[in-house]
């Protein structure tokens, strides 16, 4: 009986400790990330576009493409370090930054990025996890879901296919954007979440059921690279002269082994566009620590709020 009482007391103490930790973690994260009025530097798509367009043009430059993250607290500083070390002008994340389209998840991702010391533009492409269930949150926190900008004579286009087909309205916008701007661009890069490529037995081919018009536009207006996420695997191929790269998921669990995340370093020179796959490894401590912290903020803290107001 004495042992039973001790176990009950220890269990109650552990429960209270978890609740207290979730409460203070939630307050910390929400104070930074829950209010869209509280601006985080370099984390607004339109402000970033205007900033880059005002910079002096460069003959050669680099940028970093990041795939699915689905959590904002998995040491985003690693990506900032890679971008800095390689002299990148900006970063683009190809969707599924958040695990769910909730205020709690958006607060978590904004807190994680703000804590990383972001010092260059970070563009966020909408993914299905970012918009499913509450599509207005993305624009509330990151502004436009579909936009384009010029940097150093190159055209960058963010195409919104997060919610899935049909894409008629998006294709109309893409066609108009290319018609009006293609002649003035030395290179053209397109970013979207869902991959417009199908793979059968390891062989890629256009996904014509949903993207026939996209590939027609590619024939009319040659594209240098198309970057995507969503498929949870790093894939690269060339179709009709365009390079397609999917960065996939940040990390996957296979047994007890953590696979490396894969990011893509893109370098543009006067004569070529080159890409380099860079692995980003997470330790078990980072992975499970991020899971625990994220769970406390996005699942436990909202319950505490509802109970105690």
Protein backbone atom coordinates (compact mmCIF):
# COMPACT_ATOMS: atom_id res chain seq x y z
CA UNK A 1 0.00 0.00 0.00
CA UNK A 2 2.85 2.34 0.87
CA UNK A 3 4.40 1.76 -2.58
CA UNK A 4 1.05 2.38 -4.24
CA UNK A 5 0.70 5.76 -2.54
CA UNK A 6 4.23 6.70 -3.60
CA UNK A 7 3.45 5.79 -7.22
CA UNK A 8 0.23 7.81 -7.10
CA UNK A 9 2.07 10.83 -5.73
CA UNK A 10 4.83 10.49 -8.32
CA UNK A 11 2.27 10.11 -11.11
CA UNK A 12 0.34 13.16 -9.94
CA UNK A 13 3.57 15.13 -9.69
CA UNK A 14 4.62 14.13 -13.21
CA UNK A 15 1.19 15.06 -14.57
CA UNK A 16 1.33 18.48 -12.91
CA UNK A 17 4.87 18.99 -14.24
CA UNK A 18 3.73 18.24 -17.80
CA UNK A 19 0.76 20.60 -17.49
CA UNK A 20 2.99 23.36 -16.09
CA UNK A 21 5.60 22.83 -18.83
CA UNK A 22 2.91 22.90 -21.54
CA UNK A 23 1.40 26.05 -20.03
CA UNK A 24 4.65 27.99 -19.98
CA UNK A 25 5.74 26.64 -23.38
CA UNK A 26 2.40 27.71 -24.84
CA UNK A 27 2.67 31.20 -23.36
CA UNK A 28 6.20 31.58 -24.75
CA UNK A 29 5.27 30.38 -28.24
CA UNK A 30 1.98 32.27 -28.47
CA UNK A 31 3.64 35.50 -27.35
CA UNK A 32 5.90 35.31 -30.40
CA UNK A 33 3.93 33.49 -33.05
CA UNK A 34 0.15 33.68 -32.62
CA UNK A 35 -0.47 37.31 -33.56
CA UNK A 36 -0.10 38.14 -37.26
CA UNK A 37 0.23 41.79 -36.28
CA UNK A 38 3.51 40.91 -34.55
CA UNK A 39 5.80 40.94 -37.56
CA UNK A 40 8.73 38.56 -37.85
CA UNK A 41 11.47 39.86 -40.11
CA UNK A 42 11.78 38.27 -43.57
CA UNK A 43 8.67 36.09 -43.08
CA UNK A 44 6.09 37.72 -45.36
CA UNK A 45 5.87 36.66 -49.00
CA UNK A 46 4.96 40.02 -50.48
CA UNK A 47 7.32 42.07 -48.30
CA UNK A 48 10.12 39.64 -49.22
CA UNK A 49 9.30 40.02 -52.93
CA UNK A 50 9.51 43.80 -52.74
CA UNK A 51 12.73 43.62 -50.76
CA UNK A 52 14.50 41.40 -53.32
CA UNK A 53 13.29 43.42 -56.27
CA UNK A 54 14.90 46.50 -54.73
CA UNK A 55 18.32 44.83 -54.36
CA UNK A 56 21.13 45.50 -56.81
CA UNK A 57 21.21 42.79 -59.51
CA UNK A 58 23.88 40.10 -59.32
CA UNK A 59 25.34 38.11 -62.21
CA UNK A 60 25.67 35.04 -59.96
CA UNK A 61 23.71 34.15 -56.84
CA UNK A 62 22.39 31.18 -54.86
CA UNK A 63 19.20 30.30 -53.02
CA UNK A 64 18.12 27.38 -50.83
CA UNK A 65 15.02 25.25 -51.38
CA UNK A 66 13.58 23.47 -48.31
CA UNK A 67 10.98 20.69 -48.39
CA UNK A 68 8.19 19.65 -46.02
CA UNK A 69 8.81 20.36 -42.36
CA UNK A 70 5.35 19.95 -40.77
CA UNK A 71 6.62 21.40 -37.51
CA UNK A 72 8.16 24.74 -36.73
CA UNK A 73 10.39 23.69 -33.90
CA UNK A 74 12.85 21.21 -35.42
CA UNK A 75 15.87 23.48 -35.19
CA UNK A 76 15.18 25.70 -38.19
CA UNK A 77 18.54 27.32 -37.47
CA UNK A 78 20.19 24.46 -39.38
CA UNK A 79 18.67 25.75 -42.60
CA UNK A 80 19.68 29.32 -41.82
CA UNK A 81 23.27 28.17 -41.23
CA UNK A 82 23.37 26.29 -44.56
CA UNK A 83 21.99 29.30 -46.41
CA UNK A 84 24.49 31.65 -44.77
CA UNK A 85 27.45 29.33 -45.32
CA UNK A 86 26.63 29.10 -49.03
CA UNK A 87 26.04 32.82 -49.52
CA UNK A 88 22.34 32.42 -50.35
CA UNK A 89 20.25 35.47 -51.15
CA UNK A 90 17.02 33.87 -49.88
CA UNK A 91 15.25 30.60 -49.03
CA UNK A 92 12.03 29.05 -50.34
CA UNK A 93 10.07 26.39 -48.45
CA UNK A 94 7.85 24.28 -50.74
CA UNK A 95 4.82 23.81 -48.48
CA UNK A 96 3.65 21.82 -45.45
CA UNK A 97 5.53 24.06 -43.06
CA UNK A 98 2.81 23.46 -40.46
CA UNK A 99 1.42 20.08 -39.48
CA UNK A 100 -2.17 21.41 -39.41
CA UNK A 101 -3.93 24.64 -40.33
CA UNK A 102 -4.57 25.80 -36.75
CA UNK A 103 -3.56 28.90 -34.85
CA UNK A 104 -1.50 26.74 -32.48
CA UNK A 105 0.49 25.12 -35.32
CA UNK A 106 1.08 28.45 -37.04
CA UNK A 107 2.25 29.96 -33.75
CA UNK A 108 4.69 27.06 -33.38
CA UNK A 109 6.20 27.45 -36.85
CA UNK A 110 6.53 31.22 -36.53
CA UNK A 111 8.15 30.85 -33.11
CA UNK A 112 10.60 28.26 -34.44
CA UNK A 113 11.62 30.45 -37.35
CA UNK A 114 11.85 33.60 -35.22
CA UNK A 115 14.13 31.71 -32.80
CA UNK A 116 16.44 30.64 -35.64
CA UNK A 117 17.90 34.10 -36.24
CA UNK A 118 16.45 34.41 -39.75
CA UNK A 119 18.38 37.14 -41.58
CA UNK A 120 17.29 36.72 -45.20
CA UNK A 121 13.95 36.43 -47.01
CA UNK A 122 12.13 33.14 -46.43
CA UNK A 123 9.29 32.48 -48.89
CA UNK A 124 6.58 30.00 -47.88
CA UNK A 125 4.72 28.03 -50.56
CA UNK A 126 1.28 26.81 -49.40
CA UNK A 127 0.97 23.07 -48.84
CA UNK A 128 -2.06 20.89 -48.16
CA UNK A 129 -1.25 20.71 -44.42
CA UNK A 130 -0.97 24.51 -44.32
CA UNK A 131 -4.47 25.13 -45.70
CA UNK A 132 -6.62 22.04 -45.09
CA UNK A 133 -9.52 22.86 -42.78
CA UNK A 134 -8.74 26.57 -42.45
CA UNK A 135 -7.40 27.97 -45.73
CA UNK A 136 -7.49 31.60 -44.58
CA UNK A 137 -4.75 31.15 -41.98
CA UNK A 138 -1.95 30.99 -44.54
CA UNK A 139 -2.66 34.44 -45.95
CA UNK A 140 -3.25 35.77 -42.44
CA UNK A 141 0.28 34.86 -41.40
CA UNK A 142 2.33 34.77 -44.64
CA UNK A 143 0.27 36.92 -47.08
CA UNK A 144 -0.16 35.76 -50.68
CA UNK A 145 -0.47 32.09 -51.63
CA UNK A 146 0.28 32.72 -55.32
CA UNK A 147 2.68 35.41 -56.54
CA UNK A 148 5.81 36.13 -58.58
CA UNK A 149 8.84 38.37 -58.34
CA UNK A 150 12.05 39.20 -60.18
CA UNK A 151 15.51 38.94 -58.69
CA UNK A 152 18.71 39.64 -60.63
CA UNK A 153 16.90 39.25 -63.92
CA UNK A 154 15.32 35.89 -63.00
CA UNK A 155 11.60 35.24 -62.69
CA UNK A 156 10.39 33.33 -59.61
CA UNK A 157 6.81 32.04 -59.63
CA UNK A 158 4.90 30.50 -56.71
CA UNK A 159 1.99 28.43 -58.04
CA UNK A 160 -0.73 27.42 -55.55
CA UNK A 161 -1.77 23.78 -55.96
CA UNK A 162 -2.04 23.10 -52.21
CA UNK A 163 -5.73 22.19 -52.17
CA UNK A 164 -5.57 19.89 -55.20
CA UNK A 165 -7.36 20.06 -58.58
CA UNK A 166 -9.04 21.64 -60.45
CA UNK A 167 -6.43 24.27 -61.28
CA UNK A 168 -8.18 26.26 -64.04
CA UNK A 169 -7.99 29.58 -62.19
CA UNK A 170 -4.35 28.99 -61.24
CA UNK A 171 -3.42 28.06 -64.83
CA UNK A 172 -5.07 31.24 -66.13
CA UNK A 173 -2.94 33.27 -63.72
CA UNK A 174 0.22 31.33 -64.60
CA UNK A 175 -0.32 31.81 -68.32
CA UNK A 176 -0.84 35.55 -67.92
CA UNK A 177 2.23 35.83 -65.65
CA UNK A 178 4.44 34.02 -68.16
CA UNK A 179 3.09 35.92 -71.15
CA UNK A 180 3.74 39.27 -69.49
CA UNK A 181 7.13 38.52 -67.93
CA UNK A 182 8.87 35.66 -69.71
CA UNK A 183 10.67 37.81 -72.28
CA UNK A 184 12.31 39.87 -69.55
CA UNK A 185 13.67 36.87 -67.62
CA UNK A 186 17.06 35.25 -68.13
CA UNK A 187 15.86 32.25 -66.05
CA UNK A 188 12.43 31.05 -64.88
CA UNK A 189 11.84 29.06 -61.70
CA UNK A 190 8.48 27.68 -60.54
CA UNK A 191 7.65 26.52 -57.01
CA UNK A 192 4.58 24.51 -55.99
CA UNK A 193 3.71 21.95 -53.36
CA UNK A 194 2.26 18.99 -55.26
CA UNK A 195 4.46 17.35 -57.84
CA UNK A 196 3.15 17.58 -61.46
CA UNK A 197 5.11 14.41 -62.27
CA UNK A 198 4.04 10.77 -61.93
CA UNK A 199 6.52 7.99 -61.28
CA UNK A 200 5.92 4.44 -62.51
CA UNK A 201 8.57 1.85 -61.64
CA UNK A 202 11.07 4.64 -61.10
CA UNK A 203 10.37 6.33 -64.45
CA UNK A 204 8.98 9.90 -64.42
CA UNK A 205 6.36 11.23 -66.83
CA UNK A 206 3.98 14.22 -66.87
CA UNK A 207 0.84 13.85 -64.74
CA UNK A 208 -1.39 14.85 -67.63
CA UNK A 209 -4.72 14.18 -65.92
CA UNK A 210 -4.29 17.30 -63.78
CA UNK A 211 -1.31 19.10 -65.34
CA UNK A 212 -1.72 18.83 -69.12
CA UNK A 213 -2.13 22.59 -69.36
CA UNK A 214 0.94 23.14 -67.20
CA UNK A 215 3.10 21.11 -69.58
CA UNK A 216 1.57 22.94 -72.54
CA UNK A 217 2.68 26.20 -70.91
CA UNK A 218 6.12 24.72 -70.32
CA UNK A 219 6.41 24.08 -74.06
CA UNK A 220 5.41 27.67 -74.85
CA UNK A 221 7.47 29.29 -72.12
CA UNK A 222 10.55 27.18 -71.30
CA UNK A 223 11.11 26.76 -67.57
CA UNK A 224 14.52 26.14 -66.02
CA UNK A 225 13.45 24.37 -62.82
CA UNK A 226 10.28 23.34 -60.99
CA UNK A 227 10.60 22.71 -57.25
CA UNK A 228 8.02 20.79 -55.21
CA UNK A 229 7.50 18.91 -51.93
CA UNK A 230 4.66 16.67 -50.75
CA UNK A 231 5.95 13.24 -51.85
CA UNK A 232 8.13 12.59 -48.77
CA UNK A 233 11.11 11.61 -50.87
CA UNK A 234 13.93 13.40 -52.69
CA UNK A 235 13.34 13.02 -56.43
CA UNK A 236 14.95 14.66 -59.44
CA UNK A 237 14.34 14.29 -63.17
CA UNK A 238 14.32 16.22 -66.42
CA UNK A 239 11.18 16.46 -68.57
CA UNK A 240 11.19 18.32 -71.88
CA UNK A 241 14.25 20.32 -70.90
CA UNK A 242 13.03 21.34 -67.44
CA UNK A 243 14.57 20.06 -64.19
CA UNK A 244 12.03 18.84 -61.62
CA UNK A 245 13.15 18.46 -58.00
CA UNK A 246 11.10 17.39 -54.99
CA UNK A 247 12.72 17.90 -51.60
CA UNK A 248 10.16 15.72 -49.84
CA UNK A 249 9.69 15.48 -46.09
CA UNK A 250 12.13 16.94 -43.59
CA UNK A 251 12.73 13.56 -41.99
CA UNK A 252 11.20 10.09 -41.75
CA UNK A 253 11.35 7.40 -39.13
CA UNK A 254 12.42 3.93 -40.30
CA UNK A 255 12.68 1.66 -37.32
CA UNK A 256 14.82 3.69 -34.94
CA UNK A 257 16.94 5.35 -37.63
CA UNK A 258 16.42 8.93 -38.68
CA UNK A 259 16.89 9.72 -42.33
CA UNK A 260 18.50 13.01 -43.24
CA UNK A 261 16.43 15.88 -44.50
CA UNK A 262 17.43 16.97 -48.00
CA UNK A 263 17.62 20.57 -49.09
CA UNK A 264 18.61 21.87 -52.52
CA UNK A 265 21.20 24.57 -53.08
CA UNK A 266 20.58 26.31 -56.39
CA UNK A 267 23.30 28.41 -57.99
CA UNK A 268 22.62 30.72 -60.92
CA UNK A 269 25.52 31.99 -63.02
CA UNK A 270 25.51 33.86 -66.34
CA UNK A 271 25.87 30.57 -68.21
CA UNK A 272 24.16 27.88 -66.13
CA UNK A 273 21.88 26.78 -63.31
CA UNK A 274 23.32 24.11 -61.02
CA UNK A 275 21.70 22.24 -58.13
CA UNK A 276 23.25 20.44 -55.18
CA UNK A 277 21.51 18.12 -52.71
CA UNK A 278 22.59 18.77 -49.12
CA UNK A 279 21.67 16.41 -46.25
CA UNK A 280 20.51 17.88 -42.95
CA UNK A 281 20.60 15.36 -40.13
CA UNK A 282 18.52 15.50 -36.99
CA UNK A 283 19.62 13.71 -33.84
CA UNK A 284 17.12 11.57 -31.96
CA UNK A 285 17.17 14.19 -29.23
CA UNK A 286 16.22 16.95 -31.68
CA UNK A 287 13.55 14.82 -33.32
CA UNK A 288 11.79 13.61 -30.17
CA UNK A 289 12.43 16.86 -28.31
CA UNK A 290 10.74 18.74 -31.13
CA UNK A 291 7.85 16.28 -31.15
CA UNK A 292 7.35 16.66 -27.38
CA UNK A 293 7.59 20.46 -27.44
CA UNK A 294 5.27 20.68 -30.44
CA UNK A 295 2.72 18.37 -28.83
CA UNK A 296 2.66 20.42 -25.62
CA UNK A 297 2.14 23.66 -27.56
CA UNK A 298 -0.36 22.49 -30.18
CA UNK A 299 -2.34 19.87 -28.24
CA UNK A 300 -2.00 20.30 -24.46
CA UNK A 301 -1.85 24.09 -24.22
CA UNK A 302 -5.09 24.70 -26.21
CA UNK A 303 -6.89 22.33 -23.79
CA UNK A 304 -5.52 24.28 -20.83
CA UNK A 305 -6.69 27.50 -22.46
CA UNK A 306 -10.20 26.11 -22.95
CA UNK A 307 -10.43 24.94 -19.36
CA UNK A 308 -8.95 27.95 -17.57
CA UNK A 309 -9.54 30.65 -20.14
